N, C-alpha and C. Protein backbone atom coordinates (compact mmCIF):
# COMPACT_ATOMS: atom_id res chain seq x y z
N MET A 1 61.06 105.15 126.19
CA MET A 1 60.39 104.73 124.91
C MET A 1 58.95 105.39 125.00
N LYS A 2 58.67 106.02 123.87
CA LYS A 2 57.32 106.40 123.81
C LYS A 2 56.43 105.42 123.17
N GLN A 3 55.14 105.33 123.74
CA GLN A 3 54.25 104.50 123.04
C GLN A 3 53.05 105.11 122.83
N THR A 4 52.23 104.81 121.85
CA THR A 4 51.15 105.42 121.43
C THR A 4 50.18 104.28 120.93
N ASN A 5 48.73 104.70 120.83
CA ASN A 5 47.86 103.64 120.32
C ASN A 5 47.70 103.90 118.88
N ASP A 6 47.61 103.00 118.03
CA ASP A 6 47.21 103.10 116.72
C ASP A 6 45.62 103.06 116.69
N ILE A 7 44.91 103.17 115.53
CA ILE A 7 43.55 103.15 115.26
C ILE A 7 42.88 102.03 115.73
N THR A 8 43.69 100.87 116.01
CA THR A 8 42.91 99.62 116.59
C THR A 8 43.02 99.73 117.94
N GLY A 9 43.79 100.59 118.74
CA GLY A 9 43.85 100.54 120.05
C GLY A 9 45.04 100.06 120.62
N LYS A 10 45.90 99.37 119.74
CA LYS A 10 47.11 98.62 120.10
C LYS A 10 48.26 99.61 120.30
N ASN A 11 49.04 99.36 121.34
CA ASN A 11 50.19 100.25 121.60
C ASN A 11 51.26 99.99 120.50
N LYS A 12 51.87 101.09 120.02
CA LYS A 12 52.96 100.85 119.18
C LYS A 12 54.07 101.69 119.62
N ASN A 13 55.21 100.98 119.54
CA ASN A 13 56.56 101.69 120.00
C ASN A 13 57.05 102.53 118.92
N ILE A 14 56.96 104.09 119.02
CA ILE A 14 57.43 104.86 117.95
C ILE A 14 58.85 104.84 117.80
N GLU A 15 59.71 104.86 118.84
CA GLU A 15 61.02 104.91 118.77
C GLU A 15 61.92 103.68 118.05
N THR A 16 61.13 102.47 118.33
CA THR A 16 61.82 101.35 118.00
C THR A 16 62.02 101.28 116.43
N ALA A 17 61.10 101.76 115.65
CA ALA A 17 61.29 101.75 114.25
C ALA A 17 62.54 102.73 113.90
N SER A 18 62.45 103.89 114.36
CA SER A 18 63.65 104.76 114.10
C SER A 18 64.95 104.38 114.69
N SER A 19 64.90 103.87 115.77
CA SER A 19 66.19 103.33 116.38
C SER A 19 66.78 102.20 115.65
N ASN A 20 65.88 101.23 115.18
CA ASN A 20 66.29 99.94 114.38
C ASN A 20 66.80 100.64 113.10
N GLU A 21 66.25 101.51 112.58
CA GLU A 21 66.64 102.25 111.16
C GLU A 21 67.98 102.82 111.39
N ALA A 22 68.26 103.61 112.53
CA ALA A 22 69.56 104.25 112.83
C ALA A 22 70.61 103.21 112.94
N LEU A 23 70.15 102.01 113.69
CA LEU A 23 71.22 100.93 113.95
C LEU A 23 71.50 100.31 112.59
N ASN A 24 70.60 100.02 111.79
CA ASN A 24 70.88 99.39 110.54
C ASN A 24 71.68 100.26 109.72
N LYS A 25 71.55 101.78 109.76
CA LYS A 25 72.28 102.62 108.89
C LYS A 25 73.78 102.58 109.52
N ARG A 26 74.02 102.49 110.78
CA ARG A 26 75.41 102.51 111.46
C ARG A 26 76.08 101.26 110.92
N ILE A 27 75.30 99.98 110.99
CA ILE A 27 75.88 98.78 110.63
C ILE A 27 76.40 98.83 109.25
N THR A 28 75.46 99.37 108.45
CA THR A 28 75.88 99.19 107.00
C THR A 28 76.97 100.19 106.68
N GLU A 29 77.11 101.41 107.35
CA GLU A 29 78.24 102.07 107.22
C GLU A 29 79.58 101.53 107.58
N LEU A 30 79.54 100.81 108.76
CA LEU A 30 80.66 100.18 109.32
C LEU A 30 81.06 98.95 108.34
N GLU A 31 80.01 98.29 107.72
CA GLU A 31 80.31 97.12 106.84
C GLU A 31 80.96 97.88 105.58
N ASN A 32 80.70 98.97 105.04
CA ASN A 32 81.15 99.59 104.08
C ASN A 32 82.61 100.15 104.12
N VAL A 33 82.86 100.53 105.45
CA VAL A 33 84.16 100.95 105.83
C VAL A 33 85.12 99.94 105.91
N ARG A 34 84.71 98.68 106.43
CA ARG A 34 85.45 97.46 106.56
C ARG A 34 85.69 96.91 105.03
N ALA A 35 84.63 97.02 104.31
CA ALA A 35 84.87 96.50 102.79
C ALA A 35 85.94 97.24 102.10
N LEU A 36 85.74 98.75 102.34
CA LEU A 36 87.01 99.42 101.73
C LEU A 36 88.29 99.14 102.14
N ARG A 37 88.36 99.01 103.60
CA ARG A 37 89.84 98.62 104.07
C ARG A 37 90.26 97.39 103.54
N GLU A 38 89.33 96.36 103.42
CA GLU A 38 89.76 95.08 102.64
C GLU A 38 90.21 95.23 101.20
N LEU A 39 89.46 96.24 100.61
CA LEU A 39 89.98 96.51 99.17
C LEU A 39 91.27 97.07 99.13
N VAL A 40 91.67 97.95 99.83
CA VAL A 40 92.94 98.52 99.83
C VAL A 40 93.99 97.53 100.25
N ASP A 41 93.69 96.86 101.31
CA ASP A 41 94.55 95.77 101.87
C ASP A 41 94.94 94.58 100.90
N ASN A 42 93.82 94.37 100.22
CA ASN A 42 94.11 93.21 99.23
C ASN A 42 94.69 93.69 98.00
N PHE A 43 94.47 95.12 97.60
CA PHE A 43 95.33 95.61 96.66
C PHE A 43 96.93 95.58 96.96
N SER A 44 97.30 95.72 98.07
CA SER A 44 98.86 95.72 98.59
C SER A 44 99.28 94.14 98.60
N ILE A 45 98.39 93.28 99.14
CA ILE A 45 98.68 91.96 99.33
C ILE A 45 98.92 91.43 97.87
N LEU A 46 98.15 91.66 97.01
CA LEU A 46 98.20 91.25 95.67
C LEU A 46 99.48 91.85 94.93
N ALA A 47 99.77 93.09 95.27
CA ALA A 47 101.08 93.68 94.62
C ALA A 47 102.07 92.80 95.18
N ASP A 48 102.06 92.56 96.58
CA ASP A 48 103.31 91.84 97.13
C ASP A 48 103.60 90.39 96.55
N LYS A 49 102.51 90.03 96.21
CA LYS A 49 102.52 88.49 95.46
C LYS A 49 102.73 88.67 93.92
N LYS A 50 102.71 89.87 93.33
CA LYS A 50 102.94 90.15 92.02
C LYS A 50 101.65 89.54 91.30
N GLU A 51 100.59 89.54 91.86
CA GLU A 51 99.34 88.97 91.14
C GLU A 51 98.73 90.15 90.44
N VAL A 52 99.31 90.65 89.42
CA VAL A 52 98.89 91.99 88.89
C VAL A 52 97.39 91.89 88.27
N TRP A 53 97.20 90.71 87.51
CA TRP A 53 95.98 90.70 86.90
C TRP A 53 94.83 90.38 87.89
N LYS A 54 95.03 89.76 89.06
CA LYS A 54 94.15 89.73 90.09
C LYS A 54 93.79 91.02 90.68
N GLN A 55 94.92 91.82 90.65
CA GLN A 55 94.88 93.22 91.38
C GLN A 55 94.02 94.03 90.51
N THR A 56 94.02 93.83 89.17
CA THR A 56 93.13 94.71 88.28
C THR A 56 91.69 94.49 88.47
N GLU A 57 91.38 93.38 89.10
CA GLU A 57 89.85 92.98 89.19
C GLU A 57 89.31 93.94 90.40
N LEU A 58 90.18 94.67 91.18
CA LEU A 58 89.84 95.58 92.23
C LEU A 58 89.50 96.88 91.54
N PHE A 59 89.56 97.01 90.27
CA PHE A 59 89.48 98.37 89.63
C PHE A 59 88.27 98.25 88.84
N THR A 60 87.59 99.51 88.53
CA THR A 60 86.52 99.62 87.65
C THR A 60 87.11 99.30 86.16
N LYS A 61 86.42 99.03 85.07
CA LYS A 61 86.93 98.84 83.75
C LYS A 61 87.66 100.16 83.17
N ASP A 62 87.15 101.19 83.67
CA ASP A 62 87.62 102.54 83.11
C ASP A 62 88.46 103.23 84.14
N ALA A 63 88.95 102.65 85.10
CA ALA A 63 89.72 103.28 86.37
C ALA A 63 90.99 104.05 85.74
N THR A 64 91.35 104.99 86.49
CA THR A 64 92.54 105.67 86.24
C THR A 64 93.56 105.62 87.42
N VAL A 65 94.89 105.59 87.10
CA VAL A 65 95.71 105.50 88.17
C VAL A 65 96.81 106.65 87.80
N GLU A 66 97.06 107.71 88.65
CA GLU A 66 98.17 108.46 88.38
C GLU A 66 99.15 108.45 89.51
N SER A 67 100.40 108.71 89.13
CA SER A 67 101.56 108.71 90.11
C SER A 67 102.33 110.03 90.10
N TYR A 68 102.71 110.35 91.23
CA TYR A 68 103.35 111.59 91.49
C TYR A 68 104.65 111.28 92.35
N MET A 69 105.74 111.95 91.72
CA MET A 69 106.88 111.70 92.66
C MET A 69 107.61 113.25 92.96
N ASN A 70 107.64 113.60 94.03
CA ASN A 70 108.10 115.09 94.30
C ASN A 70 107.19 116.02 93.66
N GLY A 71 106.02 115.63 93.69
CA GLY A 71 104.87 116.63 93.14
C GLY A 71 104.74 116.75 91.71
N GLU A 72 105.59 115.90 91.09
CA GLU A 72 105.53 115.82 89.47
C GLU A 72 104.83 114.47 88.96
N LEU A 73 104.02 114.63 87.97
CA LEU A 73 103.25 113.54 87.52
C LEU A 73 104.20 112.49 86.77
N THR A 74 104.44 111.29 87.01
CA THR A 74 105.28 110.28 86.46
C THR A 74 104.64 109.28 85.64
N SER A 75 103.27 109.15 85.99
CA SER A 75 102.70 108.11 84.98
C SER A 75 101.25 108.49 85.19
N SER A 76 100.52 108.24 84.16
CA SER A 76 98.93 108.30 83.95
C SER A 76 98.35 107.21 83.32
N LEU A 77 97.61 106.28 83.78
CA LEU A 77 97.18 105.22 83.20
C LEU A 77 95.74 105.17 83.37
N LYS A 78 95.01 104.48 82.22
CA LYS A 78 93.50 104.38 82.07
C LYS A 78 93.20 103.21 81.56
N GLY A 79 92.34 102.50 82.35
CA GLY A 79 91.64 101.18 81.92
C GLY A 79 92.62 100.17 82.51
N ILE A 80 91.71 98.89 82.85
CA ILE A 80 92.67 97.83 83.50
C ILE A 80 93.71 97.11 82.69
N LYS A 81 93.59 97.30 81.35
CA LYS A 81 94.53 96.57 80.55
C LYS A 81 95.85 97.51 80.71
N GLU A 82 95.83 98.75 80.58
CA GLU A 82 96.93 99.76 80.62
C GLU A 82 97.48 99.57 82.14
N ILE A 83 96.67 99.54 83.04
CA ILE A 83 97.09 99.53 84.53
C ILE A 83 97.85 98.24 84.56
N GLY A 84 97.26 97.06 84.34
CA GLY A 84 97.85 95.76 84.52
C GLY A 84 99.17 95.77 83.84
N GLU A 85 99.25 96.11 82.41
CA GLU A 85 100.55 96.02 81.87
C GLU A 85 101.59 96.76 82.45
N ALA A 86 101.21 97.99 83.01
CA ALA A 86 102.16 98.88 83.78
C ALA A 86 102.69 98.37 85.01
N PHE A 87 101.75 97.85 85.72
CA PHE A 87 101.97 97.24 86.99
C PHE A 87 103.07 96.00 86.76
N GLU A 88 102.66 95.19 85.84
CA GLU A 88 103.39 94.12 85.74
C GLU A 88 104.95 94.43 85.21
N GLY A 89 105.04 95.34 84.26
CA GLY A 89 106.38 95.73 83.96
C GLY A 89 107.17 96.29 85.05
N PHE A 90 106.60 97.11 85.68
CA PHE A 90 107.11 97.69 87.12
C PHE A 90 107.57 96.54 88.01
N LEU A 91 106.65 95.78 88.52
CA LEU A 91 107.05 94.87 89.58
C LEU A 91 108.01 93.82 89.11
N ALA A 92 108.00 93.62 87.81
CA ALA A 92 109.10 92.62 87.34
C ALA A 92 110.62 93.13 87.62
N ASN A 93 110.82 94.32 87.97
CA ASN A 93 112.09 94.80 88.34
C ASN A 93 112.48 94.58 89.64
N PHE A 94 111.57 93.87 90.50
CA PHE A 94 112.00 93.69 91.97
C PHE A 94 111.89 92.19 92.26
N GLU A 95 112.78 91.63 93.17
CA GLU A 95 112.60 90.45 93.69
C GLU A 95 111.55 90.23 94.78
N ALA A 96 111.57 91.32 95.38
CA ALA A 96 110.50 91.27 96.47
C ALA A 96 109.70 92.61 96.62
N VAL A 97 108.49 92.58 97.06
CA VAL A 97 107.62 93.74 97.14
C VAL A 97 106.85 93.64 98.54
N TYR A 98 106.94 94.59 99.24
CA TYR A 98 106.33 94.80 100.61
C TYR A 98 105.54 95.82 100.95
N HIS A 99 104.29 95.85 100.92
CA HIS A 99 103.49 96.93 101.51
C HIS A 99 103.00 96.87 102.90
N ILE A 100 103.22 97.89 103.63
CA ILE A 100 102.65 98.10 104.96
C ILE A 100 101.56 99.25 104.96
N ASN A 101 100.34 98.96 105.07
CA ASN A 101 99.41 99.90 105.03
C ASN A 101 99.05 100.46 106.48
N GLY A 102 98.93 101.67 106.46
CA GLY A 102 98.77 102.38 107.76
C GLY A 102 97.29 103.00 107.68
N GLN A 103 97.09 104.27 108.23
CA GLN A 103 95.92 104.90 108.36
C GLN A 103 95.24 104.80 106.94
N HIS A 104 93.79 104.57 107.16
CA HIS A 104 92.84 104.53 105.99
C HIS A 104 91.64 105.33 106.44
N VAL A 105 91.37 106.58 105.94
CA VAL A 105 90.18 107.40 106.34
C VAL A 105 89.28 107.46 105.03
N VAL A 106 87.99 107.19 105.26
CA VAL A 106 87.21 107.33 104.15
C VAL A 106 85.76 107.87 104.33
N SER A 107 85.25 108.48 103.22
CA SER A 107 83.98 109.31 103.41
C SER A 107 83.11 108.78 102.35
N ILE A 108 82.00 108.24 102.92
CA ILE A 108 81.12 107.35 101.97
C ILE A 108 79.90 108.18 101.58
N ASN A 109 79.36 108.22 100.42
CA ASN A 109 78.30 108.85 99.97
C ASN A 109 77.47 108.04 99.11
N GLY A 110 76.45 107.19 99.63
CA GLY A 110 75.81 106.29 98.76
C GLY A 110 76.76 105.18 98.25
N LYS A 111 76.77 105.15 96.73
CA LYS A 111 77.40 104.22 96.10
C LYS A 111 78.77 104.71 95.69
N LYS A 112 79.12 105.79 96.27
CA LYS A 112 80.59 106.45 95.88
C LYS A 112 81.26 106.61 97.22
N ALA A 113 82.53 106.71 97.21
CA ALA A 113 83.33 107.00 98.45
C ALA A 113 84.60 107.61 97.92
N GLU A 114 85.32 108.29 98.88
CA GLU A 114 86.66 108.85 98.82
C GLU A 114 87.35 108.26 100.00
N GLY A 115 88.85 108.02 99.72
CA GLY A 115 89.68 107.60 100.88
C GLY A 115 91.03 108.02 100.69
N THR A 116 91.70 108.13 101.76
CA THR A 116 93.08 108.42 102.01
C THR A 116 93.81 107.19 102.60
N LEU A 117 94.76 106.83 101.98
CA LEU A 117 95.50 105.53 102.64
C LEU A 117 97.05 106.03 102.72
N TYR A 118 97.64 105.76 103.86
CA TYR A 118 99.08 105.94 104.03
C TYR A 118 99.66 104.51 103.99
N CYS A 119 100.93 104.46 103.31
CA CYS A 119 101.39 103.19 102.99
C CYS A 119 103.03 103.46 102.95
N ARG A 120 103.68 102.35 103.40
CA ARG A 120 105.16 102.27 103.31
C ARG A 120 105.49 101.10 102.30
N VAL A 121 106.11 101.37 101.35
CA VAL A 121 106.39 100.30 100.29
C VAL A 121 107.91 99.95 100.16
N ASP A 122 108.36 98.68 100.29
CA ASP A 122 109.56 98.26 100.27
C ASP A 122 109.93 97.52 98.84
N LEU A 123 110.84 97.90 98.09
CA LEU A 123 111.00 97.31 96.84
C LEU A 123 112.39 96.73 96.88
N ILE A 124 112.61 95.41 96.74
CA ILE A 124 113.97 94.85 96.83
C ILE A 124 114.35 94.50 95.29
N SER A 125 115.46 94.81 94.97
CA SER A 125 116.07 94.49 93.81
C SER A 125 117.60 94.01 93.98
N SER A 126 118.30 93.60 92.97
CA SER A 126 119.72 93.17 92.92
C SER A 126 120.37 94.10 91.95
N GLU A 127 121.57 94.63 92.26
CA GLU A 127 122.27 95.53 91.47
C GLU A 127 123.76 95.17 91.64
N ASN A 128 124.45 94.67 90.72
CA ASN A 128 125.75 94.46 90.80
C ASN A 128 126.11 93.42 91.96
N GLY A 129 125.24 92.52 92.10
CA GLY A 129 125.36 91.46 93.12
C GLY A 129 125.02 91.80 94.66
N LYS A 130 124.55 93.02 94.71
CA LYS A 130 124.04 93.55 96.02
C LYS A 130 122.55 93.57 96.08
N LYS A 131 121.97 93.43 97.25
CA LYS A 131 120.53 93.56 97.37
C LYS A 131 120.37 95.03 97.59
N ILE A 132 119.32 95.81 97.06
CA ILE A 132 118.94 96.98 97.32
C ILE A 132 117.61 97.16 97.71
N ASN A 133 117.34 97.95 98.75
CA ASN A 133 116.04 98.21 99.34
C ASN A 133 115.68 99.60 98.99
N ASN A 134 114.59 99.73 98.27
CA ASN A 134 114.08 101.19 97.90
C ASN A 134 112.71 101.25 98.53
N THR A 135 112.73 102.15 99.58
CA THR A 135 111.69 102.22 100.46
C THR A 135 110.91 103.46 100.19
N SER A 136 109.52 103.53 100.13
CA SER A 136 108.93 104.95 99.80
C SER A 136 107.75 105.10 100.66
N GLY A 137 107.57 106.35 101.13
CA GLY A 137 106.30 106.71 101.87
C GLY A 137 105.38 107.09 100.92
N VAL A 138 104.18 106.57 100.73
CA VAL A 138 103.23 106.86 99.84
C VAL A 138 101.83 107.27 100.41
N SER A 139 101.13 108.09 99.98
CA SER A 139 99.74 108.36 100.35
C SER A 139 98.94 108.22 98.98
N TYR A 140 98.00 107.50 99.07
CA TYR A 140 96.98 107.33 97.99
C TYR A 140 95.67 108.00 98.25
N LYS A 141 95.36 108.84 97.20
CA LYS A 141 94.01 109.45 97.34
C LYS A 141 93.11 108.68 96.43
N ASP A 142 91.99 108.07 96.80
CA ASP A 142 91.29 107.01 96.13
C ASP A 142 89.94 107.66 95.89
N GLU A 143 89.15 107.26 94.91
CA GLU A 143 87.70 107.21 94.65
C GLU A 143 87.25 106.03 94.42
N TYR A 144 86.28 105.68 95.05
CA TYR A 144 85.67 104.01 95.09
C TYR A 144 84.31 104.28 94.50
N VAL A 145 83.72 103.18 93.81
CA VAL A 145 82.43 103.07 93.43
C VAL A 145 81.83 101.74 93.87
N TYR A 146 80.65 101.47 94.15
CA TYR A 146 79.98 100.31 94.68
C TYR A 146 79.29 99.77 93.42
N GLU A 147 79.80 98.63 92.70
CA GLU A 147 79.16 98.17 91.47
C GLU A 147 78.94 96.68 91.73
N ASN A 148 77.89 96.09 91.32
CA ASN A 148 77.64 94.77 91.42
C ASN A 148 77.94 93.99 92.74
N GLY A 149 77.53 94.80 93.73
CA GLY A 149 77.68 94.14 95.11
C GLY A 149 79.03 94.27 95.80
N GLU A 150 79.91 95.15 95.07
CA GLU A 150 81.34 95.20 95.70
C GLU A 150 81.86 96.73 95.44
N TRP A 151 82.85 97.03 96.48
CA TRP A 151 83.45 98.25 96.10
C TRP A 151 84.63 97.94 95.19
N LEU A 152 84.92 99.00 94.35
CA LEU A 152 86.05 98.92 93.44
C LEU A 152 86.70 100.34 93.35
N ILE A 153 87.95 100.33 93.01
CA ILE A 153 88.72 101.64 92.88
C ILE A 153 88.45 102.29 91.46
N ALA A 154 87.92 103.36 91.41
CA ALA A 154 87.62 104.14 90.12
C ALA A 154 88.72 104.93 89.76
N LYS A 155 89.53 105.56 90.83
CA LYS A 155 90.59 106.38 90.70
C LYS A 155 91.56 106.27 91.80
N ARG A 156 92.83 106.24 91.49
CA ARG A 156 93.90 106.14 92.45
C ARG A 156 95.00 107.21 92.13
N THR A 157 95.15 108.08 93.12
CA THR A 157 96.32 109.08 92.82
C THR A 157 97.46 108.60 93.90
N SER A 158 98.62 108.27 93.43
CA SER A 158 99.62 107.83 94.33
C SER A 158 100.64 108.90 94.40
N ASN A 159 100.87 109.31 95.52
CA ASN A 159 101.86 110.37 95.96
C ASN A 159 103.03 109.84 96.70
N PHE A 160 104.18 109.72 95.95
CA PHE A 160 105.45 109.17 96.52
C PHE A 160 106.01 110.24 97.21
N VAL A 161 105.96 110.40 98.58
CA VAL A 161 106.23 111.70 99.26
C VAL A 161 107.73 111.49 99.70
N TRP A 162 108.17 110.52 100.01
CA TRP A 162 109.65 110.39 100.37
C TRP A 162 110.23 108.91 99.94
N ASN A 163 111.59 109.02 99.85
CA ASN A 163 112.14 107.79 99.17
C ASN A 163 113.55 107.60 99.94
N ASP A 164 113.84 106.34 100.37
CA ASP A 164 115.20 106.02 100.88
C ASP A 164 115.70 104.74 100.10
N ARG A 165 116.74 104.85 99.64
CA ARG A 165 117.39 103.71 98.76
C ARG A 165 118.71 103.43 99.44
N HIS A 166 118.85 102.15 99.87
CA HIS A 166 120.13 101.60 100.56
C HIS A 166 120.37 100.24 100.19
N GLU A 167 121.56 99.95 100.35
CA GLU A 167 122.03 98.27 100.34
C GLU A 167 121.53 97.60 101.59
N LEU A 168 120.94 96.47 101.50
CA LEU A 168 120.51 95.59 102.40
C LEU A 168 121.80 94.98 103.04
N ASN A 169 121.59 94.87 104.30
CA ASN A 169 122.81 94.15 105.13
C ASN A 169 122.11 92.72 105.37
N GLN A 170 122.70 91.78 104.86
CA GLN A 170 122.12 90.34 105.05
C GLN A 170 123.06 89.44 105.76
């Protein structure tokens, strides 16, 4: 640790200020990474509970959600009202919904961030008296913004990469 004398002759620790600043920056970054992880996990938990209107609170007012299946755009939504109505209609088709979130990598730049989340989604429905499990491997490309003290999803691009549909053995 370097020490120097200021104009009063007192010793000052030069590195302490910069070390504390660097430590505070690292702590803030870790807190933001954790908050973003909680954001995407809460999104999935609320979907599983079918609490769509609570789920829309995780988006900015003008958020967009695009969904792709096999590389083709299947839906494009804008604004929390449209997002909520679409999610509500979609989830009504299933008796049970289950998300398992995996890797989540983020890049933070001030009050904006980008992230990629991998997820397995199981959707359970009934058809002709049989339980059907529709499982998808999904990657989400997200854009986040920090507004009013919290991280929100500004844009979500959902890529349904693979799908497996089969009867459940109960």
